[in-house]
Every structure is written in C-alpha cells, then in structure tokens.
N, C-alpha and C. Protein backbone atom coordinates (compact mmCIF):
# COMPACT_ATOMS: atom_id res chain seq x y z
N MET A 1 0.84 -1.18 0.00
CA MET A 1 0.00 0.00 0.00
C MET A 1 0.89 1.24 0.00
N ALA A 2 0.52 2.23 -0.75
CA ALA A 2 1.30 3.47 -0.84
C ALA A 2 1.16 4.29 0.43
N ASN A 3 2.17 5.01 0.74
CA ASN A 3 2.20 5.90 1.89
C ASN A 3 1.55 7.22 1.47
N LEU A 4 0.34 7.51 1.97
CA LEU A 4 -0.39 8.70 1.53
C LEU A 4 0.39 10.00 1.76
N PRO A 5 1.01 10.22 2.93
CA PRO A 5 1.79 11.45 3.08
C PRO A 5 2.91 11.57 2.05
N ALA A 6 3.51 10.43 1.67
CA ALA A 6 4.56 10.46 0.65
C ALA A 6 3.99 10.83 -0.71
N VAL A 7 2.80 10.32 -1.02
CA VAL A 7 2.14 10.66 -2.29
C VAL A 7 1.80 12.14 -2.31
N ILE A 8 1.26 12.64 -1.19
CA ILE A 8 0.92 14.07 -1.10
C ILE A 8 2.18 14.92 -1.22
N ALA A 9 3.24 14.53 -0.52
CA ALA A 9 4.49 15.28 -0.60
C ALA A 9 5.02 15.33 -2.02
N GLU A 10 4.98 14.19 -2.71
CA GLU A 10 5.45 14.16 -4.10
C GLU A 10 4.60 15.07 -4.98
N ALA A 11 3.29 15.04 -4.78
CA ALA A 11 2.38 15.88 -5.57
C ALA A 11 2.64 17.36 -5.30
N LEU A 12 2.83 17.70 -4.04
CA LEU A 12 3.09 19.11 -3.70
C LEU A 12 4.44 19.55 -4.27
N ASN A 13 5.45 18.71 -4.13
CA ASN A 13 6.76 19.05 -4.67
C ASN A 13 6.73 19.21 -6.18
N GLU A 14 5.90 18.43 -6.85
CA GLU A 14 5.74 18.55 -8.30
C GLU A 14 5.24 19.93 -8.70
N ASN A 15 4.52 20.57 -7.79
CA ASN A 15 3.91 21.87 -8.06
C ASN A 15 4.62 23.02 -7.35
N GLU A 16 5.84 22.76 -6.92
CA GLU A 16 6.61 23.77 -6.18
C GLU A 16 6.65 25.11 -6.90
N ASP A 17 7.00 25.09 -8.18
CA ASP A 17 7.13 26.35 -8.92
C ASP A 17 5.80 27.10 -8.99
N ALA A 18 4.72 26.37 -9.18
CA ALA A 18 3.39 27.00 -9.25
C ALA A 18 3.02 27.63 -7.91
N PHE A 19 3.32 26.94 -6.81
CA PHE A 19 2.98 27.48 -5.49
C PHE A 19 3.81 28.73 -5.18
N VAL A 20 5.09 28.69 -5.53
CA VAL A 20 5.94 29.87 -5.34
C VAL A 20 5.40 31.02 -6.18
N GLN A 21 5.03 30.73 -7.41
CA GLN A 21 4.50 31.76 -8.31
C GLN A 21 3.20 32.36 -7.77
N LEU A 22 2.33 31.54 -7.20
CA LEU A 22 1.09 32.06 -6.62
C LEU A 22 1.39 32.97 -5.44
N ASN A 23 2.37 32.61 -4.62
CA ASN A 23 2.76 33.46 -3.49
C ASN A 23 3.35 34.77 -4.01
N GLN A 24 4.18 34.71 -5.03
CA GLN A 24 4.76 35.92 -5.61
C GLN A 24 3.67 36.82 -6.19
N THR A 25 2.70 36.23 -6.86
CA THR A 25 1.60 37.00 -7.44
C THR A 25 0.83 37.72 -6.34
N ALA A 26 0.57 37.03 -5.24
CA ALA A 26 -0.12 37.67 -4.12
C ALA A 26 0.71 38.85 -3.59
N MET A 27 2.02 38.63 -3.42
CA MET A 27 2.88 39.72 -2.95
C MET A 27 2.82 40.92 -3.89
N LEU A 28 2.89 40.64 -5.18
CA LEU A 28 2.86 41.74 -6.15
C LEU A 28 1.53 42.49 -6.13
N ASN A 29 0.51 41.84 -5.56
CA ASN A 29 -0.79 42.48 -5.39
C ASN A 29 -1.02 42.93 -3.95
N SER A 30 0.08 43.05 -3.20
CA SER A 30 0.05 43.52 -1.81
C SER A 30 -0.84 42.67 -0.92
N MET A 31 -0.85 41.36 -1.14
CA MET A 31 -1.76 40.47 -0.42
C MET A 31 -0.99 39.46 0.42
N LYS A 32 -1.44 39.30 1.67
CA LYS A 32 -0.87 38.30 2.57
C LYS A 32 -1.59 36.96 2.39
N SER A 33 -1.04 35.93 3.01
CA SER A 33 -1.61 34.59 2.89
C SER A 33 -2.97 34.46 3.55
N ASP A 34 -3.33 35.39 4.43
CA ASP A 34 -4.66 35.36 5.05
C ASP A 34 -5.66 36.22 4.27
N GLY A 35 -5.21 36.77 3.14
CA GLY A 35 -6.07 37.62 2.32
C GLY A 35 -6.01 39.09 2.69
N GLY A 36 -5.35 39.38 3.80
CA GLY A 36 -5.21 40.78 4.22
C GLY A 36 -4.18 41.51 3.37
N ARG A 37 -4.15 42.79 3.51
CA ARG A 37 -3.24 43.63 2.75
C ARG A 37 -1.88 43.71 3.45
N ILE A 38 -0.82 43.73 2.68
CA ILE A 38 0.52 43.96 3.23
C ILE A 38 0.56 45.44 3.61
N GLU A 39 0.66 45.69 4.91
CA GLU A 39 0.64 47.05 5.42
C GLU A 39 1.82 47.26 6.35
N PRO A 40 2.22 48.48 6.58
CA PRO A 40 1.55 49.75 6.30
C PRO A 40 1.79 50.22 4.86
N ALA A 41 1.02 51.21 4.49
CA ALA A 41 1.16 51.83 3.17
C ALA A 41 2.53 52.50 3.08
N TYR A 42 2.98 52.73 1.86
CA TYR A 42 4.23 53.46 1.67
C TYR A 42 4.13 54.83 2.33
N ARG A 43 5.19 55.25 2.99
CA ARG A 43 5.21 56.57 3.63
C ARG A 43 5.36 57.69 2.62
N SER A 44 6.10 57.41 1.57
CA SER A 44 6.34 58.43 0.55
C SER A 44 5.31 58.31 -0.58
N GLN A 45 4.53 59.37 -0.77
CA GLN A 45 3.56 59.36 -1.86
C GLN A 45 4.27 59.34 -3.22
N ALA A 46 5.44 59.96 -3.30
CA ALA A 46 6.21 59.95 -4.55
C ALA A 46 6.62 58.52 -4.90
N TYR A 47 7.06 57.75 -3.89
CA TYR A 47 7.45 56.35 -4.12
C TYR A 47 6.22 55.54 -4.51
N ALA A 48 5.12 55.75 -3.82
CA ALA A 48 3.88 55.04 -4.13
C ALA A 48 3.47 55.34 -5.58
N ASN A 49 3.58 56.58 -5.99
CA ASN A 49 3.24 56.95 -7.37
C ASN A 49 4.16 56.25 -8.36
N MET A 50 5.45 56.18 -8.03
CA MET A 50 6.41 55.52 -8.92
C MET A 50 6.09 54.03 -9.04
N LYS A 51 5.72 53.40 -7.90
CA LYS A 51 5.39 51.97 -7.90
C LYS A 51 4.01 51.70 -8.51
N GLY A 52 3.17 52.73 -8.54
CA GLY A 52 1.82 52.55 -9.06
C GLY A 52 0.88 51.89 -8.08
N ARG A 53 1.22 51.96 -6.81
CA ARG A 53 0.40 51.36 -5.75
C ARG A 53 0.74 52.04 -4.43
N ASN A 54 -0.17 51.95 -3.48
CA ASN A 54 0.05 52.56 -2.17
C ASN A 54 0.61 51.60 -1.13
N TYR A 55 0.49 50.29 -1.40
CA TYR A 55 0.91 49.29 -0.43
C TYR A 55 2.05 48.46 -0.98
N PRO A 56 2.90 47.95 -0.10
CA PRO A 56 4.09 47.21 -0.53
C PRO A 56 3.78 45.97 -1.37
N ASP A 57 4.65 45.74 -2.37
CA ASP A 57 4.58 44.53 -3.19
C ASP A 57 5.80 43.64 -2.93
N LEU A 58 6.64 44.08 -2.00
CA LEU A 58 7.85 43.34 -1.58
C LEU A 58 8.79 43.06 -2.74
N LYS A 59 8.80 43.96 -3.71
CA LYS A 59 9.71 43.80 -4.84
C LYS A 59 10.46 45.10 -5.06
N LEU A 60 11.72 45.10 -4.68
CA LEU A 60 12.57 46.24 -4.94
C LEU A 60 13.52 45.89 -6.08
N THR A 61 14.37 44.88 -5.85
CA THR A 61 15.29 44.43 -6.90
C THR A 61 14.83 43.12 -7.52
N GLY A 62 13.91 42.43 -6.85
CA GLY A 62 13.46 41.12 -7.31
C GLY A 62 14.18 39.96 -6.63
N ALA A 63 15.22 40.27 -5.86
CA ALA A 63 16.01 39.21 -5.22
C ALA A 63 15.21 38.44 -4.17
N PHE A 64 14.42 39.14 -3.37
CA PHE A 64 13.63 38.49 -2.32
C PHE A 64 12.67 37.47 -2.92
N GLN A 65 11.88 37.89 -3.90
CA GLN A 65 10.93 36.98 -4.53
C GLN A 65 11.63 35.96 -5.41
N GLY A 66 12.73 36.36 -6.02
CA GLY A 66 13.47 35.45 -6.89
C GLY A 66 14.15 34.32 -6.15
N ASP A 67 14.35 34.49 -4.86
CA ASP A 67 15.02 33.46 -4.05
C ASP A 67 14.03 32.72 -3.15
N MET A 68 12.76 32.71 -3.56
CA MET A 68 11.75 32.01 -2.77
C MET A 68 11.85 30.51 -2.99
N SER A 69 11.47 29.76 -1.97
CA SER A 69 11.49 28.31 -2.07
C SER A 69 10.29 27.71 -1.35
N PHE A 70 10.05 26.45 -1.65
CA PHE A 70 8.91 25.69 -1.14
C PHE A 70 9.43 24.38 -0.59
N PHE A 71 8.88 23.92 0.54
CA PHE A 71 9.20 22.58 1.00
C PHE A 71 7.99 22.03 1.76
N THR A 72 7.91 20.71 1.81
CA THR A 72 6.79 20.05 2.46
C THR A 72 7.24 18.76 3.12
N ASP A 73 6.47 18.34 4.12
CA ASP A 73 6.69 17.04 4.75
C ASP A 73 5.54 16.09 4.42
N GLY A 74 4.64 16.52 3.55
CA GLY A 74 3.49 15.72 3.17
C GLY A 74 2.25 16.04 3.97
N GLU A 75 2.42 16.74 5.07
CA GLU A 75 1.28 17.16 5.88
C GLU A 75 1.10 18.67 5.85
N GLU A 76 2.20 19.38 5.82
CA GLU A 76 2.17 20.84 5.74
C GLU A 76 3.16 21.26 4.67
N PHE A 77 2.96 22.48 4.16
CA PHE A 77 3.97 23.01 3.26
C PHE A 77 4.36 24.39 3.73
N PHE A 78 5.53 24.81 3.30
CA PHE A 78 6.09 26.08 3.74
C PHE A 78 6.68 26.82 2.55
N LEU A 79 6.47 28.10 2.52
CA LEU A 79 7.09 28.97 1.53
C LEU A 79 7.97 29.95 2.29
N THR A 80 9.13 30.24 1.73
CA THR A 80 10.05 31.15 2.38
C THR A 80 10.94 31.77 1.30
N SER A 81 11.84 32.62 1.73
CA SER A 81 12.84 33.18 0.83
C SER A 81 14.20 33.04 1.51
N ASN A 82 15.21 32.74 0.72
CA ASN A 82 16.57 32.62 1.24
C ASN A 82 17.32 33.93 1.12
N ASP A 83 16.63 34.98 0.71
CA ASP A 83 17.24 36.29 0.57
C ASP A 83 17.58 36.85 1.96
N PRO A 84 18.70 37.55 2.09
CA PRO A 84 19.09 38.10 3.39
C PRO A 84 18.07 39.07 3.99
N LYS A 85 17.22 39.67 3.17
CA LYS A 85 16.21 40.61 3.67
C LYS A 85 15.00 39.91 4.27
N MET A 86 14.95 38.58 4.18
CA MET A 86 13.76 37.85 4.62
C MET A 86 13.39 38.15 6.06
N ARG A 87 14.31 38.05 6.98
CA ARG A 87 14.02 38.27 8.40
C ARG A 87 13.48 39.69 8.62
N GLU A 88 14.10 40.67 8.00
CA GLU A 88 13.66 42.07 8.15
C GLU A 88 12.23 42.25 7.62
N LEU A 89 11.92 41.65 6.49
CA LEU A 89 10.58 41.77 5.92
C LEU A 89 9.54 41.03 6.75
N VAL A 90 9.90 39.88 7.30
CA VAL A 90 8.98 39.15 8.17
C VAL A 90 8.74 39.95 9.45
N ASP A 91 9.79 40.53 10.01
CA ASP A 91 9.63 41.35 11.21
C ASP A 91 8.70 42.53 10.95
N LYS A 92 8.81 43.11 9.78
CA LYS A 92 8.00 44.29 9.46
C LYS A 92 6.56 43.94 9.07
N TYR A 93 6.39 42.85 8.28
CA TYR A 93 5.07 42.55 7.71
C TYR A 93 4.43 41.26 8.22
N SER A 94 5.14 40.44 8.93
CA SER A 94 4.71 39.17 9.53
C SER A 94 4.97 37.98 8.59
N LEU A 95 4.92 36.80 9.17
CA LEU A 95 5.11 35.56 8.40
C LEU A 95 4.00 35.36 7.37
N LYS A 96 2.90 36.09 7.52
CA LYS A 96 1.77 35.93 6.60
C LYS A 96 2.08 36.43 5.20
N ILE A 97 3.27 36.97 4.98
CA ILE A 97 3.65 37.31 3.60
C ILE A 97 3.93 36.03 2.81
N PHE A 98 4.13 34.92 3.54
CA PHE A 98 4.38 33.63 2.90
C PHE A 98 3.13 32.76 2.97
N GLY A 99 2.79 32.13 1.86
CA GLY A 99 1.65 31.22 1.82
C GLY A 99 0.76 31.54 0.63
N ILE A 100 -0.26 30.74 0.45
CA ILE A 100 -1.18 30.91 -0.66
C ILE A 100 -2.39 31.70 -0.17
N ALA A 101 -2.59 32.87 -0.74
CA ALA A 101 -3.72 33.73 -0.37
C ALA A 101 -5.04 33.08 -0.78
N PRO A 102 -6.12 33.34 -0.05
CA PRO A 102 -7.42 32.72 -0.35
C PRO A 102 -7.84 32.85 -1.82
N LEU A 103 -7.55 33.96 -2.44
CA LEU A 103 -7.91 34.17 -3.84
C LEU A 103 -7.28 33.12 -4.75
N TYR A 104 -6.09 32.66 -4.40
CA TYR A 104 -5.34 31.74 -5.24
C TYR A 104 -5.41 30.28 -4.78
N ARG A 105 -6.07 30.02 -3.66
CA ARG A 105 -6.13 28.65 -3.14
C ARG A 105 -6.84 27.67 -4.06
N PRO A 106 -7.94 28.06 -4.71
CA PRO A 106 -8.56 27.09 -5.64
C PRO A 106 -7.60 26.64 -6.74
N LEU A 107 -6.77 27.53 -7.24
CA LEU A 107 -5.78 27.15 -8.25
C LEU A 107 -4.76 26.17 -7.67
N ALA A 108 -4.27 26.47 -6.49
CA ALA A 108 -3.28 25.60 -5.84
C ALA A 108 -3.89 24.24 -5.52
N GLN A 109 -5.11 24.23 -4.99
CA GLN A 109 -5.76 22.98 -4.65
C GLN A 109 -6.04 22.13 -5.89
N GLY A 110 -6.46 22.77 -6.96
CA GLY A 110 -6.71 22.04 -8.20
C GLY A 110 -5.46 21.37 -8.73
N ARG A 111 -4.36 22.10 -8.72
CA ARG A 111 -3.09 21.51 -9.18
C ARG A 111 -2.67 20.35 -8.29
N ALA A 112 -2.76 20.56 -6.98
CA ALA A 112 -2.34 19.52 -6.03
C ALA A 112 -3.22 18.28 -6.17
N LEU A 113 -4.53 18.45 -6.22
CA LEU A 113 -5.43 17.30 -6.32
C LEU A 113 -5.23 16.52 -7.61
N SER A 114 -4.99 17.23 -8.69
CA SER A 114 -4.73 16.57 -9.97
C SER A 114 -3.47 15.71 -9.88
N SER A 115 -2.42 16.26 -9.28
CA SER A 115 -1.17 15.50 -9.13
C SER A 115 -1.34 14.33 -8.17
N ILE A 116 -2.06 14.54 -7.08
CA ILE A 116 -2.29 13.45 -6.11
C ILE A 116 -3.02 12.30 -6.79
N ALA A 117 -4.07 12.62 -7.55
CA ALA A 117 -4.85 11.57 -8.23
C ALA A 117 -3.98 10.80 -9.22
N ARG A 118 -3.16 11.51 -9.97
CA ARG A 118 -2.30 10.85 -10.96
C ARG A 118 -1.27 9.96 -10.28
N ILE A 119 -0.63 10.46 -9.23
CA ILE A 119 0.39 9.67 -8.52
C ILE A 119 -0.26 8.49 -7.81
N TRP A 120 -1.41 8.70 -7.18
CA TRP A 120 -2.12 7.62 -6.50
C TRP A 120 -2.46 6.51 -7.49
N ASN A 121 -2.96 6.91 -8.64
CA ASN A 121 -3.31 5.95 -9.68
C ASN A 121 -2.07 5.16 -10.12
N LYS A 122 -0.96 5.84 -10.26
CA LYS A 122 0.28 5.21 -10.71
C LYS A 122 0.79 4.19 -9.69
N PHE A 123 0.81 4.56 -8.42
CA PHE A 123 1.40 3.68 -7.41
C PHE A 123 0.42 2.69 -6.80
N VAL A 124 -0.81 3.07 -6.64
CA VAL A 124 -1.75 2.21 -5.93
C VAL A 124 -2.57 1.38 -6.91
N LEU A 125 -3.04 2.01 -7.96
CA LEU A 125 -3.91 1.31 -8.90
C LEU A 125 -3.14 0.78 -10.12
N ASN A 126 -1.83 1.00 -10.10
CA ASN A 126 -0.95 0.55 -11.19
C ASN A 126 -1.42 1.08 -12.55
N GLY A 127 -1.87 2.34 -12.56
CA GLY A 127 -2.41 2.92 -13.79
C GLY A 127 -1.45 3.59 -14.64
C-alpha cells in the first residue's frame, strides 16, 4: 500500500514552482496569505506613485521573490525566501507574507489534487 503522506508530498513538490509563483503573485498584489493587505502603506507618496500602488509589493530588486522556495513534509507546506532581507521583511510585515492567499487557493488545490490523483493511480492502482 502506498504511503499517503509520501504521495501528497510528491504531488506538492511537483507543483513547487506554481505554489511559489502564486505566493509571488499575491505579494505583487500587496496580499498576505490570510487575504489581508501587506501594510503599512508606503510613507512616501512619490514612491507610491512611482510603484503605481500605495501598499508594498515586496519587490525592490526582485532578489527576495526570486530566491523564494517551497518545502513540504506531506502534511504541511512552507514557503520562504533565502534572501538576506527575509528576516527584516517578516519582522515588518509578519510571516503571513508567505503562503497561498485565499484568492489563489482554488488554483493551488486544483493543481495539487490533480497531481495526487495521478500519482495515487500510478502507485496504488498501477495505472
């Protein structure tokens, strides 16, 4: 019999890039993993005008988002960044900058369930 957590872990790992991309998209839309806004608003109206938004998108050079990673144990998954600014940004905006925002969860769940079904079929049903 297949180990379900191992099947889930494999399915989630298969979708690592998609999950990171969904988290990056949320950040670019100033959205936390709980659906709340990344706050506080920019202090400088000139900077906000240049960025085209009033709230942080956590993208200055692209290094923070470009160095994001995903890992799972089959029961939970985690998104983080290996960029040196990570701790400072978490301290300022909270750990909720990492994760899949409610708006994007149906996409993430659909990808994961599709992979789980395919892997389950392959290992358990010999399909």
